[in-house]
């Protein structure tokens, strides 16, 4: 129903990739903050950043309202970055 209202009848009737219209969690600015944070030194008491720590840091810095581990993982993967 939502697809019908937002994109019209033809799009709503397609059985293809329904997730294509899902809004991105991180825009370019948020991705830049994520990458800068991932490349910075790890928090005190930690040897390295984890995906969960990065997601929590994005929220605590007020860059996003919520951020999942998979969003962080997919963004790092898209940028060919590794936490190891």
C-alpha atoms as a PDB file:
ATOM      1  CA  UNK A   1       0.000   0.000   0.000  1.00  0.00           C
ATOM      2  CA  UNK A   2       2.844   2.363   0.894  1.00  0.00           C
ATOM      3  CA  UNK A   3       4.618   1.646  -2.399  1.00  0.00           C
ATOM      4  CA  UNK A   4       1.387   2.332  -4.262  1.00  0.00           C
ATOM      5  CA  UNK A   5       0.990   5.750  -2.661  1.00  0.00           C
ATOM      6  CA  UNK A   6       4.645   6.735  -2.981  1.00  0.00           C
ATOM      7  CA  UNK A   7       5.615   5.269  -6.360  1.00  0.00           C
ATOM      8  CA  UNK A   8       2.450   4.477  -8.308  1.00  0.00           C
ATOM      9  CA  UNK A   9       0.652   1.341  -9.446  1.00  0.00           C
ATOM     10  CA  UNK A  10       3.307  -0.031 -11.819  1.00  0.00           C
ATOM     11  CA  UNK A  11       6.019  -0.011  -9.167  1.00  0.00           C
ATOM     12  CA  UNK A  12       3.716  -1.436  -6.506  1.00  0.00           C
ATOM     13  CA  UNK A  13       2.847  -4.390  -8.755  1.00  0.00           C
ATOM     14  CA  UNK A  14       6.488  -5.324  -9.414  1.00  0.00           C
ATOM     15  CA  UNK A  15       7.737  -8.353  -7.520  1.00  0.00           C
ATOM     16  CA  UNK A  16      11.392  -7.388  -7.804  1.00  0.00           C
ATOM     17  CA  UNK A  17      13.636  -5.970  -5.126  1.00  0.00           C
ATOM     18  CA  UNK A  18      11.228  -4.427  -2.656  1.00  0.00           C
ATOM     19  CA  UNK A  19      14.028  -3.063  -0.489  1.00  0.00           C
ATOM     20  CA  UNK A  20      15.207  -0.713  -3.223  1.00  0.00           C
ATOM     21  CA  UNK A  21      13.091   2.131  -1.842  1.00  0.00           C
ATOM     22  CA  UNK A  22      14.209   1.763   1.753  1.00  0.00           C
ATOM     23  CA  UNK A  23      15.844   4.960   2.977  1.00  0.00           C
ATOM     24  CA  UNK A  24      19.544   4.758   3.719  1.00  0.00           C
ATOM     25  CA  UNK A  25      20.432   4.793   7.405  1.00  0.00           C
ATOM     26  CA  UNK A  26      23.707   6.647   6.823  1.00  0.00           C
ATOM     27  CA  UNK A  27      24.096   9.543   4.429  1.00  0.00           C
ATOM     28  CA  UNK A  28      27.467  10.663   3.076  1.00  0.00           C
ATOM     29  CA  UNK A  29      28.265  12.806   6.107  1.00  0.00           C
ATOM     30  CA  UNK A  30      27.408  10.017   8.551  1.00  0.00           C
ATOM     31  CA  UNK A  31      29.483   7.551   6.513  1.00  0.00           C
ATOM     32  CA  UNK A  32      32.431   9.964   6.674  1.00  0.00           C
ATOM     33  CA  UNK A  33      32.056  10.182  10.471  1.00  0.00           C
ATOM     34  CA  UNK A  34      31.895   6.402  10.696  1.00  0.00           C
ATOM     35  CA  UNK A  35      35.051   5.949   8.627  1.00  0.00           C
ATOM     36  CA  UNK A  36      36.911   8.630  10.574  1.00  0.00           C
ATOM     37  CA  UNK A  37      35.897   6.987  13.843  1.00  0.00           C
ATOM     38  CA  UNK A  38      36.869   3.522  12.622  1.00  0.00           C
ATOM     39  CA  UNK A  39      40.295   4.834  11.578  1.00  0.00           C
ATOM     40  CA  UNK A  40      40.859   6.594  14.901  1.00  0.00           C
ATOM     41  CA  UNK A  41      42.380   4.959  17.950  1.00  0.00           C
ATOM     42  CA  UNK A  42      40.150   2.569  19.862  1.00  0.00           C
ATOM     43  CA  UNK A  43      38.368   3.671  23.038  1.00  0.00           C
ATOM     44  CA  UNK A  44      40.289   3.480  26.270  1.00  0.00           C
ATOM     45  CA  UNK A  45      40.430  -0.064  27.581  1.00  0.00           C
ATOM     46  CA  UNK A  46      39.911  -1.556  24.102  1.00  0.00           C
ATOM     47  CA  UNK A  47      42.470  -2.862  21.628  1.00  0.00           C
ATOM     48  CA  UNK A  48      40.358  -2.092  18.561  1.00  0.00           C
ATOM     49  CA  UNK A  49      36.981  -0.931  17.393  1.00  0.00           C
ATOM     50  CA  UNK A  50      34.232  -3.492  17.003  1.00  0.00           C
ATOM     51  CA  UNK A  51      31.193  -3.130  14.790  1.00  0.00           C
ATOM     52  CA  UNK A  52      28.975  -2.851  17.861  1.00  0.00           C
ATOM     53  CA  UNK A  53      31.211  -0.184  19.437  1.00  0.00           C
ATOM     54  CA  UNK A  54      31.153   1.837  16.224  1.00  0.00           C
ATOM     55  CA  UNK A  55      27.356   1.617  16.018  1.00  0.00           C
ATOM     56  CA  UNK A  56      27.027   2.744  19.633  1.00  0.00           C
ATOM     57  CA  UNK A  57      29.525   5.566  19.073  1.00  0.00           C
ATOM     58  CA  UNK A  58      27.550   6.891  16.108  1.00  0.00           C
ATOM     59  CA  UNK A  59      24.477   7.126  18.325  1.00  0.00           C
ATOM     60  CA  UNK A  60      26.322   8.623  21.312  1.00  0.00           C
ATOM     61  CA  UNK A  61      27.870  11.323  19.086  1.00  0.00           C
ATOM     62  CA  UNK A  62      24.374  12.223  17.891  1.00  0.00           C
ATOM     63  CA  UNK A  63      25.182  11.513  14.241  1.00  0.00           C
ATOM     64  CA  UNK A  64      22.235   9.113  13.895  1.00  0.00           C
ATOM     65  CA  UNK A  65      19.266   8.217  16.089  1.00  0.00           C
ATOM     66  CA  UNK A  66      19.886   4.489  15.744  1.00  0.00           C
ATOM     67  CA  UNK A  67      22.441   2.345  13.977  1.00  0.00           C
ATOM     68  CA  UNK A  68      22.653  -1.429  13.695  1.00  0.00           C
ATOM     69  CA  UNK A  69      25.738  -3.595  13.527  1.00  0.00           C
ATOM     70  CA  UNK A  70      24.801  -4.653  10.017  1.00  0.00           C
ATOM     71  CA  UNK A  71      24.596  -1.033   8.842  1.00  0.00           C
ATOM     72  CA  UNK A  72      28.116  -0.419  10.126  1.00  0.00           C
ATOM     73  CA  UNK A  73      29.359  -3.700   8.674  1.00  0.00           C
ATOM     74  CA  UNK A  74      27.855  -3.020   5.242  1.00  0.00           C
ATOM     75  CA  UNK A  75      29.232   0.530   5.162  1.00  0.00           C
ATOM     76  CA  UNK A  76      32.738  -0.619   6.073  1.00  0.00           C
ATOM     77  CA  UNK A  77      32.510  -3.417   3.513  1.00  0.00           C
ATOM     78  CA  UNK A  78      31.380  -0.962   0.832  1.00  0.00           C
ATOM     79  CA  UNK A  79      34.454   1.160   1.580  1.00  0.00           C
ATOM     80  CA  UNK A  80      36.763  -1.900   1.617  1.00  0.00           C
ATOM     81  CA  UNK A  81      37.698  -1.277   5.256  1.00  0.00           C
ATOM     82  CA  UNK A  82      38.426  -3.968   7.810  1.00  0.00           C
ATOM     83  CA  UNK A  83      38.542  -3.699  11.592  1.00  0.00           C
ATOM     84  CA  UNK A  84      41.302  -6.289  11.927  1.00  0.00           C
END
